[in-house]
């Protein structure tokens, strides 16, 4: 695949309950790929039902598609975007060295952008003198200055004067402090978004929530607390773990937990779509496919896009 495509990364994203994991696994099988999760909560061990780890999605014809950055840390740990970016690129390099193809799959927009936009994670202090020097320049002038530092793949750093000045400030700092420069691998991504009709998404979210509760999601939280995980640490992870913990500790009833959690997941899916639209406005081209389409047809379409060179 690596010799047949202009890309070196496939990204499959979309809101919760859109079916992106099942799709990503089937594409990975076709292209000799491996999944790199882009989910901020699936990194935690034993937090399975609450984070929606659908292990069966990785099993195709009795063969497991390799996946990474799932079941990485113990519950209670506070994994962050800096760690994710570092872990991602280590795995990205390793997958390519083994002549496999990396397929990033998940709905945590911040993690995806940290990779695509190669966020610089070192703290860069304000440079008052530089800001004063740049303050009267136009956005085009600032963009040209920034382009002299690096190749601009998208408009994320130059969508406003303020962001452009900050980007120049960061690049200037790195130029003056080469000892801290972290060179990240170049990413040439194909971005696929799984679009799901709002009414269908709502139906699937509610049905999936009921199924996971029936499968033992409350018992999962009880078990985590019993093994010594502090309730406040579980609440920190939000959504399922927030409301389930509040129920388990007697703060809210089962029915109240279900209603609040159901609403919160719907709101979360809406925020995810807002984030993806923001990515598009900042220059990231997302090719949207319909979640209701035949999965094998969708797989074939993605493979065609990956190998299209004109």
C-alpha atoms as a PDB file:
ATOM      1  CA  UNK A   1       0.000   0.000   0.000  1.00  0.00           C
ATOM      2  CA  UNK A   2       2.782   2.462   0.889  1.00  0.00           C
ATOM      3  CA  UNK A   3       4.055   2.500  -2.706  1.00  0.00           C
ATOM      4  CA  UNK A   4       0.575   2.891  -4.162  1.00  0.00           C
ATOM      5  CA  UNK A   5      -0.662   5.954  -2.298  1.00  0.00           C
ATOM      6  CA  UNK A   6       0.338   9.601  -1.861  1.00  0.00           C
ATOM      7  CA  UNK A   7      -0.750   9.346   1.789  1.00  0.00           C
ATOM      8  CA  UNK A   8       1.034   7.920   4.813  1.00  0.00           C
ATOM      9  CA  UNK A   9      -1.918   8.010   7.234  1.00  0.00           C
ATOM     10  CA  UNK A  10      -5.608   7.222   6.994  1.00  0.00           C
ATOM     11  CA  UNK A  11      -7.850   8.951   9.528  1.00  0.00           C
ATOM     12  CA  UNK A  12     -11.386   7.656  10.076  1.00  0.00           C
ATOM     13  CA  UNK A  13     -13.409   9.788  12.422  1.00  0.00           C
ATOM     14  CA  UNK A  14     -16.983  10.729  13.177  1.00  0.00           C
ATOM     15  CA  UNK A  15     -19.348  11.193  16.104  1.00  0.00           C
ATOM     16  CA  UNK A  16     -20.049   8.517  18.669  1.00  0.00           C
ATOM     17  CA  UNK A  17     -22.257   5.646  17.437  1.00  0.00           C
ATOM     18  CA  UNK A  18     -21.419   6.294  13.772  1.00  0.00           C
ATOM     19  CA  UNK A  19     -19.787   2.884  13.251  1.00  0.00           C
ATOM     20  CA  UNK A  20     -16.298   4.237  12.529  1.00  0.00           C
ATOM     21  CA  UNK A  21     -14.406   1.477  14.383  1.00  0.00           C
ATOM     22  CA  UNK A  22     -16.003  -1.352  12.437  1.00  0.00           C
ATOM     23  CA  UNK A  23     -15.338   0.518   9.197  1.00  0.00           C
ATOM     24  CA  UNK A  24     -11.709   1.283  10.130  1.00  0.00           C
ATOM     25  CA  UNK A  25     -10.999  -2.356  10.973  1.00  0.00           C
ATOM     26  CA  UNK A  26     -12.329  -3.532   7.627  1.00  0.00           C
ATOM     27  CA  UNK A  27     -10.317  -0.940   5.726  1.00  0.00           C
ATOM     28  CA  UNK A  28      -7.212  -1.913   7.734  1.00  0.00           C
ATOM     29  CA  UNK A  29      -7.700  -5.540   6.694  1.00  0.00           C
ATOM     30  CA  UNK A  30      -7.830  -4.515   3.020  1.00  0.00           C
ATOM     31  CA  UNK A  31      -4.697  -2.350   3.126  1.00  0.00           C
ATOM     32  CA  UNK A  32      -2.497  -4.367   5.494  1.00  0.00           C
ATOM     33  CA  UNK A  33      -3.068  -1.756   8.156  1.00  0.00           C
ATOM     34  CA  UNK A  34      -3.104  -1.374  11.915  1.00  0.00           C
ATOM     35  CA  UNK A  35      -5.429   0.789  13.998  1.00  0.00           C
ATOM     36  CA  UNK A  36      -4.169   3.632  16.182  1.00  0.00           C
ATOM     37  CA  UNK A  37      -6.989   4.689  18.483  1.00  0.00           C
ATOM     38  CA  UNK A  38      -7.814   8.388  18.806  1.00  0.00           C
ATOM     39  CA  UNK A  39     -10.078   8.026  21.819  1.00  0.00           C
ATOM     40  CA  UNK A  40      -9.136   9.852  25.015  1.00  0.00           C
ATOM     41  CA  UNK A  41     -10.746   7.300  27.332  1.00  0.00           C
ATOM     42  CA  UNK A  42     -10.101   3.944  25.687  1.00  0.00           C
ATOM     43  CA  UNK A  43      -6.475   4.201  26.863  1.00  0.00           C
ATOM     44  CA  UNK A  44      -7.656   3.020  30.319  1.00  0.00           C
ATOM     45  CA  UNK A  45      -7.698  -0.652  31.261  1.00  0.00           C
ATOM     46  CA  UNK A  46     -10.886  -2.258  32.565  1.00  0.00           C
ATOM     47  CA  UNK A  47     -12.923   0.790  31.540  1.00  0.00           C
ATOM     48  CA  UNK A  48     -14.513  -1.180  28.729  1.00  0.00           C
ATOM     49  CA  UNK A  49     -18.273  -0.751  28.536  1.00  0.00           C
ATOM     50  CA  UNK A  50     -18.197   2.895  29.599  1.00  0.00           C
ATOM     51  CA  UNK A  51     -15.701   3.839  26.907  1.00  0.00           C
ATOM     52  CA  UNK A  52     -17.292   1.713  24.208  1.00  0.00           C
ATOM     53  CA  UNK A  53     -14.425  -0.655  23.493  1.00  0.00           C
ATOM     54  CA  UNK A  54     -16.058  -2.828  20.898  1.00  0.00           C
ATOM     55  CA  UNK A  55     -13.323  -5.463  20.730  1.00  0.00           C
ATOM     56  CA  UNK A  56     -15.465  -7.564  18.392  1.00  0.00           C
ATOM     57  CA  UNK A  57     -15.130  -4.839  15.737  1.00  0.00           C
ATOM     58  CA  UNK A  58     -11.434  -5.707  15.412  1.00  0.00           C
ATOM     59  CA  UNK A  59     -12.204  -9.385  14.779  1.00  0.00           C
ATOM     60  CA  UNK A  60     -12.694 -10.180  11.088  1.00  0.00           C
ATOM     61  CA  UNK A  61     -12.912 -13.761   9.850  1.00  0.00           C
ATOM     62  CA  UNK A  62     -11.550 -14.965  13.211  1.00  0.00           C
ATOM     63  CA  UNK A  63      -8.458 -12.788  12.794  1.00  0.00           C
ATOM     64  CA  UNK A  64      -7.824  -9.776  15.013  1.00  0.00           C
ATOM     65  CA  UNK A  65      -6.801  -6.528  13.348  1.00  0.00           C
ATOM     66  CA  UNK A  66      -3.888  -5.092  15.382  1.00  0.00           C
ATOM     67  CA  UNK A  67      -4.784  -1.995  17.397  1.00  0.00           C
ATOM     68  CA  UNK A  68      -2.809   0.442  19.548  1.00  0.00           C
ATOM     69  CA  UNK A  69      -3.351   3.001  22.353  1.00  0.00           C
ATOM     70  CA  UNK A  70      -6.156   0.998  23.909  1.00  0.00           C
ATOM     71  CA  UNK A  71      -5.776  -0.482  27.420  1.00  0.00           C
ATOM     72  CA  UNK A  72      -2.609   1.519  27.946  1.00  0.00           C
ATOM     73  CA  UNK A  73      -2.991   3.074  31.416  1.00  0.00           C
ATOM     74  CA  UNK A  74      -4.523   2.196  34.771  1.00  0.00           C
ATOM     75  CA  UNK A  75      -7.819   3.851  35.781  1.00  0.00           C
ATOM     76  CA  UNK A  76      -7.225   6.958  37.825  1.00  0.00           C
ATOM     77  CA  UNK A  77      -4.335   8.096  35.643  1.00  0.00           C
ATOM     78  CA  UNK A  78      -4.820  11.400  33.793  1.00  0.00           C
ATOM     79  CA  UNK A  79      -3.526  10.791  30.281  1.00  0.00           C
ATOM     80  CA  UNK A  80      -3.039  13.974  28.255  1.00  0.00           C
ATOM     81  CA  UNK A  81      -2.676  15.216  24.698  1.00  0.00           C
ATOM     82  CA  UNK A  82       1.111  15.602  25.015  1.00  0.00           C
ATOM     83  CA  UNK A  83       1.466  11.920  25.928  1.00  0.00           C
ATOM     84  CA  UNK A  84      -0.928  10.971  23.158  1.00  0.00           C
ATOM     85  CA  UNK A  85       1.024  12.844  20.495  1.00  0.00           C
ATOM     86  CA  UNK A  86       4.283  11.253  21.628  1.00  0.00           C
ATOM     87  CA  UNK A  87       2.785   7.748  21.821  1.00  0.00           C
ATOM     88  CA  UNK A  88       1.071   8.165  18.465  1.00  0.00           C
ATOM     89  CA  UNK A  89       4.219   9.075  16.551  1.00  0.00           C
ATOM     90  CA  UNK A  90       6.232   6.275  18.135  1.00  0.00           C
ATOM     91  CA  UNK A  91       3.624   3.785  16.922  1.00  0.00           C
ATOM     92  CA  UNK A  92       3.236   5.572  13.564  1.00  0.00           C
ATOM     93  CA  UNK A  93       6.967   5.134  12.907  1.00  0.00           C
ATOM     94  CA  UNK A  94       6.946   1.522  14.038  1.00  0.00           C
ATOM     95  CA  UNK A  95       4.001   0.614  11.795  1.00  0.00           C
ATOM     96  CA  UNK A  96       5.716   2.107   8.746  1.00  0.00           C
ATOM     97  CA  UNK A  97       8.990   0.355   9.568  1.00  0.00           C
ATOM     98  CA  UNK A  98       7.101  -2.939   9.447  1.00  0.00           C
ATOM     99  CA  UNK A  99       5.612  -2.008   6.031  1.00  0.00           C
ATOM    100  CA  UNK A 100       2.115  -1.755   7.463  1.00  0.00           C
ATOM    101  CA  UNK A 101      -0.255   1.191   7.037  1.00  0.00           C
ATOM    102  CA  UNK A 102      -1.460   3.288  10.021  1.00  0.00           C
ATOM    103  CA  UNK A 103      -5.197   3.858  10.348  1.00  0.00           C
ATOM    104  CA  UNK A 104      -6.082   6.431  12.984  1.00  0.00           C
ATOM    105  CA  UNK A 105      -9.606   5.874  14.286  1.00  0.00           C
ATOM    106  CA  UNK A 106     -11.537   7.767  16.920  1.00  0.00           C
ATOM    107  CA  UNK A 107     -13.642  10.762  17.780  1.00  0.00           C
ATOM    108  CA  UNK A 108     -11.401  12.820  20.074  1.00  0.00           C
ATOM    109  CA  UNK A 109     -10.888  15.852  17.863  1.00  0.00           C
ATOM    110  CA  UNK A 110      -8.129  17.354  20.003  1.00  0.00           C
ATOM    111  CA  UNK A 111      -6.020  14.196  19.676  1.00  0.00           C
ATOM    112  CA  UNK A 112      -6.542  14.108  15.921  1.00  0.00           C
ATOM    113  CA  UNK A 113      -5.558  17.752  15.506  1.00  0.00           C
ATOM    114  CA  UNK A 114      -2.525  17.344  17.770  1.00  0.00           C
ATOM    115  CA  UNK A 115      -1.243  14.844  15.203  1.00  0.00           C
ATOM    116  CA  UNK A 116      -2.365  16.541  11.986  1.00  0.00           C
ATOM    117  CA  UNK A 117      -1.303  20.045  13.046  1.00  0.00           C
ATOM    118  CA  UNK A 118       1.762  18.746  14.920  1.00  0.00           C
ATOM    119  CA  UNK A 119       1.068  20.802  18.026  1.00  0.00           C
ATOM    120  CA  UNK A 120       4.197  22.038  19.728  1.00  0.00           C
ATOM    121  CA  UNK A 121       3.895  20.977  23.338  1.00  0.00           C
ATOM    122  CA  UNK A 122       6.814  22.899  24.865  1.00  0.00           C
ATOM    123  CA  UNK A 123       5.733  26.021  26.746  1.00  0.00           C
ATOM    124  CA  UNK A 124       6.767  29.106  24.780  1.00  0.00           C
ATOM    125  CA  UNK A 125       6.782  32.342  26.828  1.00  0.00           C
ATOM    126  CA  UNK A 126       5.379  35.585  25.371  1.00  0.00           C
ATOM    127  CA  UNK A 127       7.834  37.728  23.410  1.00  0.00           C
ATOM    128  CA  UNK A 128       6.630  41.293  24.039  1.00  0.00           C
ATOM    129  CA  UNK A 129       9.171  42.920  21.719  1.00  0.00           C
ATOM    130  CA  UNK A 130       8.236  40.600  18.830  1.00  0.00           C
ATOM    131  CA  UNK A 131       4.523  41.165  19.398  1.00  0.00           C
ATOM    132  CA  UNK A 132       5.055  44.915  19.304  1.00  0.00           C
ATOM    133  CA  UNK A 133       6.984  44.567  16.054  1.00  0.00           C
ATOM    134  CA  UNK A 134       4.225  42.490  14.438  1.00  0.00           C
ATOM    135  CA  UNK A 135       1.129  44.215  15.791  1.00  0.00           C
ATOM    136  CA  UNK A 136       0.465  46.485  12.780  1.00  0.00           C
ATOM    137  CA  UNK A 137       1.048  43.882  10.077  1.00  0.00           C
ATOM    138  CA  UNK A 138      -1.799  42.467   8.027  1.00  0.00           C
ATOM    139  CA  UNK A 139      -2.870  38.831   8.184  1.00  0.00           C
ATOM    140  CA  UNK A 140      -1.334  38.253   4.737  1.00  0.00           C
ATOM    141  CA  UNK A 141       1.983  39.736   5.847  1.00  0.00           C
ATOM    142  CA  UNK A 142       1.949  37.571   8.963  1.00  0.00           C
ATOM    143  CA  UNK A 143       1.123  34.499   6.893  1.00  0.00           C
ATOM    144  CA  UNK A 144       4.091  35.209   4.613  1.00  0.00           C
ATOM    145  CA  UNK A 145       6.380  35.564   7.630  1.00  0.00           C
ATOM    146  CA  UNK A 146       5.148  32.274   9.077  1.00  0.00           C
ATOM    147  CA  UNK A 147       5.600  30.577   5.699  1.00  0.00           C
ATOM    148  CA  UNK A 148       9.269  31.533   5.824  1.00  0.00           C
ATOM    149  CA  UNK A 149       9.594  29.327   8.933  1.00  0.00           C
ATOM    150  CA  UNK A 150       7.651  26.289   7.800  1.00  0.00           C
ATOM    151  CA  UNK A 151       5.432  24.856   5.096  1.00  0.00           C
ATOM    152  CA  UNK A 152       1.797  25.732   5.791  1.00  0.00           C
ATOM    153  CA  UNK A 153      -0.362  22.659   5.214  1.00  0.00           C
ATOM    154  CA  UNK A 154      -3.607  24.272   6.404  1.00  0.00           C
ATOM    155  CA  UNK A 155      -4.965  27.568   7.737  1.00  0.00           C
ATOM    156  CA  UNK A 156      -5.072  26.600  11.417  1.00  0.00           C
ATOM    157  CA  UNK A 157      -2.204  28.917  12.400  1.00  0.00           C
ATOM    158  CA  UNK A 158      -3.334  31.841  10.274  1.00  0.00           C
ATOM    159  CA  UNK A 159      -7.085  32.082  10.651  1.00  0.00           C
ATOM    160  CA  UNK A 160      -6.737  35.236  12.794  1.00  0.00           C
ATOM    161  CA  UNK A 161      -4.069  37.906  13.335  1.00  0.00           C
ATOM    162  CA  UNK A 162      -3.735  36.851  16.982  1.00  0.00           C
ATOM    163  CA  UNK A 163      -3.106  33.187  16.116  1.00  0.00           C
ATOM    164  CA  UNK A 164      -0.664  34.121  13.347  1.00  0.00           C
ATOM    165  CA  UNK A 165       1.383  36.307  15.714  1.00  0.00           C
ATOM    166  CA  UNK A 166       1.426  33.548  18.316  1.00  0.00           C
ATOM    167  CA  UNK A 167       2.533  31.025  15.677  1.00  0.00           C
ATOM    168  CA  UNK A 168       5.387  33.292  14.586  1.00  0.00           C
ATOM    169  CA  UNK A 169       6.299  33.765  18.249  1.00  0.00           C
ATOM    170  CA  UNK A 170       6.473  29.989  18.730  1.00  0.00           C
ATOM    171  CA  UNK A 171       8.502  29.388  15.549  1.00  0.00           C
ATOM    172  CA  UNK A 172      10.906  32.207  16.475  1.00  0.00           C
ATOM    173  CA  UNK A 173      11.386  30.689  19.919  1.00  0.00           C
ATOM    174  CA  UNK A 174      12.160  27.289  18.425  1.00  0.00           C
ATOM    175  CA  UNK A 175      14.604  28.838  15.968  1.00  0.00           C
ATOM    176  CA  UNK A 176      16.420  30.547  18.848  1.00  0.00           C
ATOM    177  CA  UNK A 177      16.355  27.398  21.005  1.00  0.00           C
ATOM    178  CA  UNK A 178      17.245  24.534  18.627  1.00  0.00           C
ATOM    179  CA  UNK A 179      18.105  22.294  21.567  1.00  0.00           C
ATOM    180  CA  UNK A 180      14.396  21.829  22.380  1.00  0.00           C
ATOM    181  CA  UNK A 181      13.077  21.401  18.856  1.00  0.00           C
ATOM    182  CA  UNK A 182      11.164  18.171  18.458  1.00  0.00           C
ATOM    183  CA  UNK A 183      11.025  17.010  14.857  1.00  0.00           C
ATOM    184  CA  UNK A 184       7.842  15.075  14.237  1.00  0.00           C
ATOM    185  CA  UNK A 185       7.377  12.839  11.198  1.00  0.00           C
ATOM    186  CA  UNK A 186       5.647  14.438   8.227  1.00  0.00           C
ATOM    187  CA  UNK A 187       1.998  13.446   8.076  1.00  0.00           C
ATOM    188  CA  UNK A 188       0.201  13.144   4.737  1.00  0.00           C
ATOM    189  CA  UNK A 189      -3.315  12.183   5.802  1.00  0.00           C
ATOM    190  CA  UNK A 190      -6.460  11.149   4.038  1.00  0.00           C
ATOM    191  CA  UNK A 191      -9.344  12.164   6.306  1.00  0.00           C
ATOM    192  CA  UNK A 192     -12.580  10.203   6.211  1.00  0.00           C
ATOM    193  CA  UNK A 193     -15.580  11.296   8.244  1.00  0.00           C
ATOM    194  CA  UNK A 194     -18.529   8.992   8.908  1.00  0.00           C
ATOM    195  CA  UNK A 195     -21.681  11.070   8.653  1.00  0.00           C
ATOM    196  CA  UNK A 196     -24.764   9.759  10.400  1.00  0.00           C
ATOM    197  CA  UNK A 197     -28.229  11.272  10.173  1.00  0.00           C
ATOM    198  CA  UNK A 198     -29.127  13.111  13.394  1.00  0.00           C
ATOM    199  CA  UNK A 199     -32.276  11.109  14.085  1.00  0.00           C
ATOM    200  CA  UNK A 200     -30.507   7.798  13.412  1.00  0.00           C
ATOM    201  CA  UNK A 201     -27.588   8.897  15.576  1.00  0.00           C
ATOM    202  CA  UNK A 202     -29.924   9.689  18.454  1.00  0.00           C
ATOM    203  CA  UNK A 203     -31.678   6.341  18.068  1.00  0.00           C
ATOM    204  CA  UNK A 204     -28.366   4.430  18.016  1.00  0.00           C
ATOM    205  CA  UNK A 205     -26.962   6.314  21.015  1.00  0.00           C
ATOM    206  CA  UNK A 206     -29.987   5.534  23.173  1.00  0.00           C
ATOM    207  CA  UNK A 207     -30.152   1.902  22.047  1.00  0.00           C
ATOM    208  CA  UNK A 208     -26.443   1.410  22.648  1.00  0.00           C
ATOM    209  CA  UNK A 209     -26.671   2.973  26.102  1.00  0.00           C
ATOM    210  CA  UNK A 210     -29.445   0.543  27.066  1.00  0.00           C
ATOM    211  CA  UNK A 211     -27.430  -2.397  25.715  1.00  0.00           C
ATOM    212  CA  UNK A 212     -24.321  -1.469  27.674  1.00  0.00           C
ATOM    213  CA  UNK A 213     -26.282  -1.011  30.853  1.00  0.00           C
ATOM    214  CA  UNK A 214     -27.766  -4.475  30.307  1.00  0.00           C
ATOM    215  CA  UNK A 215     -24.245  -5.823  29.722  1.00  0.00           C
ATOM    216  CA  UNK A 216     -23.104  -4.570  33.126  1.00  0.00           C
ATOM    217  CA  UNK A 217     -21.897  -0.989  32.878  1.00  0.00           C
ATOM    218  CA  UNK A 218     -23.055  -0.191  36.425  1.00  0.00           C
ATOM    219  CA  UNK A 219     -21.236  -3.282  37.709  1.00  0.00           C
ATOM    220  CA  UNK A 220     -18.100  -2.152  35.846  1.00  0.00           C
ATOM    221  CA  UNK A 221     -18.077   1.136  37.779  1.00  0.00           C
ATOM    222  CA  UNK A 222     -18.795  -0.643  41.071  1.00  0.00           C
ATOM    223  CA  UNK A 223     -15.844  -2.933  40.404  1.00  0.00           C
ATOM    224  CA  UNK A 224     -13.502  -0.019  39.674  1.00  0.00           C
ATOM    225  CA  UNK A 225     -14.481   1.701  42.919  1.00  0.00           C
ATOM    226  CA  UNK A 226     -14.144  -1.564  44.833  1.00  0.00           C
ATOM    227  CA  UNK A 227     -10.564  -1.997  43.609  1.00  0.00           C
ATOM    228  CA  UNK A 228      -9.693   1.415  45.014  1.00  0.00           C
ATOM    229  CA  UNK A 229     -10.303   3.933  42.225  1.00  0.00           C
ATOM    230  CA  UNK A 230     -11.592   7.140  43.820  1.00  0.00           C
ATOM    231  CA  UNK A 231     -15.083   8.215  42.705  1.00  0.00           C
ATOM    232  CA  UNK A 232     -13.789  11.704  41.904  1.00  0.00           C
ATOM    233  CA  UNK A 233     -11.200  10.180  39.576  1.00  0.00           C
ATOM    234  CA  UNK A 234     -13.911   8.321  37.688  1.00  0.00           C
ATOM    235  CA  UNK A 235     -16.101  11.437  37.540  1.00  0.00           C
ATOM    236  CA  UNK A 236     -13.109  13.245  35.970  1.00  0.00           C
ATOM    237  CA  UNK A 237     -13.463  11.040  32.869  1.00  0.00           C
ATOM    238  CA  UNK A 238     -16.938  12.448  32.220  1.00  0.00           C
ATOM    239  CA  UNK A 239     -20.004  11.105  30.439  1.00  0.00           C
ATOM    240  CA  UNK A 240     -20.703   7.472  31.433  1.00  0.00           C
ATOM    241  CA  UNK A 241     -18.262   7.490  34.340  1.00  0.00           C
ATOM    242  CA  UNK A 242     -19.562  10.764  35.723  1.00  0.00           C
ATOM    243  CA  UNK A 243     -23.232   9.784  35.862  1.00  0.00           C
ATOM    244  CA  UNK A 244     -22.712   6.104  36.660  1.00  0.00           C
ATOM    245  CA  UNK A 245     -20.444   7.026  39.578  1.00  0.00           C
ATOM    246  CA  UNK A 246     -22.999   9.520  40.847  1.00  0.00           C
ATOM    247  CA  UNK A 247     -25.580   6.743  40.751  1.00  0.00           C
ATOM    248  CA  UNK A 248     -23.352   4.110  42.362  1.00  0.00           C
ATOM    249  CA  UNK A 249     -22.459   6.489  45.207  1.00  0.00           C
ATOM    250  CA  UNK A 250     -26.155   7.239  45.832  1.00  0.00           C
ATOM    251  CA  UNK A 251     -26.162  10.797  44.549  1.00  0.00           C
ATOM    252  CA  UNK A 252     -28.759  10.180  41.818  1.00  0.00           C
ATOM    253  CA  UNK A 253     -31.283   7.436  41.070  1.00  0.00           C
ATOM    254  CA  UNK A 254     -30.983   4.915  38.236  1.00  0.00           C
ATOM    255  CA  UNK A 255     -33.663   6.652  36.149  1.00  0.00           C
ATOM    256  CA  UNK A 256     -32.078  10.063  36.725  1.00  0.00           C
ATOM    257  CA  UNK A 257     -28.705   8.656  35.770  1.00  0.00           C
ATOM    258  CA  UNK A 258     -30.096   7.200  32.538  1.00  0.00           C
ATOM    259  CA  UNK A 259     -31.887  10.395  31.504  1.00  0.00           C
ATOM    260  CA  UNK A 260     -28.950  12.685  32.281  1.00  0.00           C
ATOM    261  CA  UNK A 261     -26.422  10.394  30.636  1.00  0.00           C
ATOM    262  CA  UNK A 262     -28.537   9.886  27.534  1.00  0.00           C
ATOM    263  CA  UNK A 263     -28.848  13.664  27.076  1.00  0.00           C
ATOM    264  CA  UNK A 264     -25.139  14.189  27.755  1.00  0.00           C
ATOM    265  CA  UNK A 265     -24.074  11.660  25.096  1.00  0.00           C
ATOM    266  CA  UNK A 266     -26.341  13.308  22.516  1.00  0.00           C
ATOM    267  CA  UNK A 267     -24.806  16.687  23.392  1.00  0.00           C
ATOM    268  CA  UNK A 268     -21.319  15.191  23.153  1.00  0.00           C
ATOM    269  CA  UNK A 269     -22.003  13.861  19.632  1.00  0.00           C
ATOM    270  CA  UNK A 270     -23.206  17.330  18.630  1.00  0.00           C
ATOM    271  CA  UNK A 271     -19.989  18.894  19.985  1.00  0.00           C
ATOM    272  CA  UNK A 272     -17.941  16.353  18.043  1.00  0.00           C
ATOM    273  CA  UNK A 273     -19.605  17.419  14.791  1.00  0.00           C
ATOM    274  CA  UNK A 274     -18.982  21.074  15.678  1.00  0.00           C
ATOM    275  CA  UNK A 275     -15.286  20.257  16.184  1.00  0.00           C
ATOM    276  CA  UNK A 276     -15.058  18.476  12.816  1.00  0.00           C
ATOM    277  CA  UNK A 277     -16.689  21.441  11.063  1.00  0.00           C
ATOM    278  CA  UNK A 278     -14.119  23.657  12.765  1.00  0.00           C
ATOM    279  CA  UNK A 279     -11.337  21.460  11.389  1.00  0.00           C
ATOM    280  CA  UNK A 280     -12.780  21.881   7.898  1.00  0.00           C
ATOM    281  CA  UNK A 281     -12.919  25.656   8.280  1.00  0.00           C
ATOM    282  CA  UNK A 282      -9.234  25.599   9.225  1.00  0.00           C
ATOM    283  CA  UNK A 283      -8.238  23.820   6.046  1.00  0.00           C
ATOM    284  CA  UNK A 284      -8.587  20.099   6.763  1.00  0.00           C
ATOM    285  CA  UNK A 285     -10.410  18.348   3.935  1.00  0.00           C
ATOM    286  CA  UNK A 286     -12.704  15.661   5.341  1.00  0.00           C
ATOM    287  CA  UNK A 287     -14.270  13.236   2.866  1.00  0.00           C
ATOM    288  CA  UNK A 288     -17.667  12.373   4.336  1.00  0.00           C
ATOM    289  CA  UNK A 289     -19.299   9.011   3.781  1.00  0.00           C
ATOM    290  CA  UNK A 290     -22.766   7.889   4.807  1.00  0.00           C
ATOM    291  CA  UNK A 291     -22.995   5.585   7.832  1.00  0.00           C
ATOM    292  CA  UNK A 292     -26.108   4.025   6.287  1.00  0.00           C
ATOM    293  CA  UNK A 293     -24.204   2.909   3.194  1.00  0.00           C
ATOM    294  CA  UNK A 294     -23.152  -0.676   2.649  1.00  0.00           C
ATOM    295  CA  UNK A 295     -19.971  -1.154   4.665  1.00  0.00           C
ATOM    296  CA  UNK A 296     -18.151  -3.074   1.925  1.00  0.00           C
ATOM    297  CA  UNK A 297     -18.990  -0.328  -0.577  1.00  0.00           C
ATOM    298  CA  UNK A 298     -17.690   2.274   1.873  1.00  0.00           C
ATOM    299  CA  UNK A 299     -14.488   0.259   2.342  1.00  0.00           C
ATOM    300  CA  UNK A 300     -14.007   0.063  -1.432  1.00  0.00           C
ATOM    301  CA  UNK A 301     -14.571   3.827  -1.789  1.00  0.00           C
ATOM    302  CA  UNK A 302     -11.952   4.587   0.866  1.00  0.00           C
ATOM    303  CA  UNK A 303      -9.405   2.250  -0.729  1.00  0.00           C
ATOM    304  CA  UNK A 304     -10.015   3.977  -4.064  1.00  0.00           C
ATOM    305  CA  UNK A 305      -9.449   7.387  -2.469  1.00  0.00           C
ATOM    306  CA  UNK A 306      -6.229   6.150  -0.858  1.00  0.00           C
ATOM    307  CA  UNK A 307      -4.806   4.955  -4.170  1.00  0.00           C
ATOM    308  CA  UNK A 308      -6.015   7.854  -6.316  1.00  0.00           C
ATOM    309  CA  UNK A 309      -2.979   9.888  -7.359  1.00  0.00           C
ATOM    310  CA  UNK A 310      -4.410  12.575  -9.644  1.00  0.00           C
END
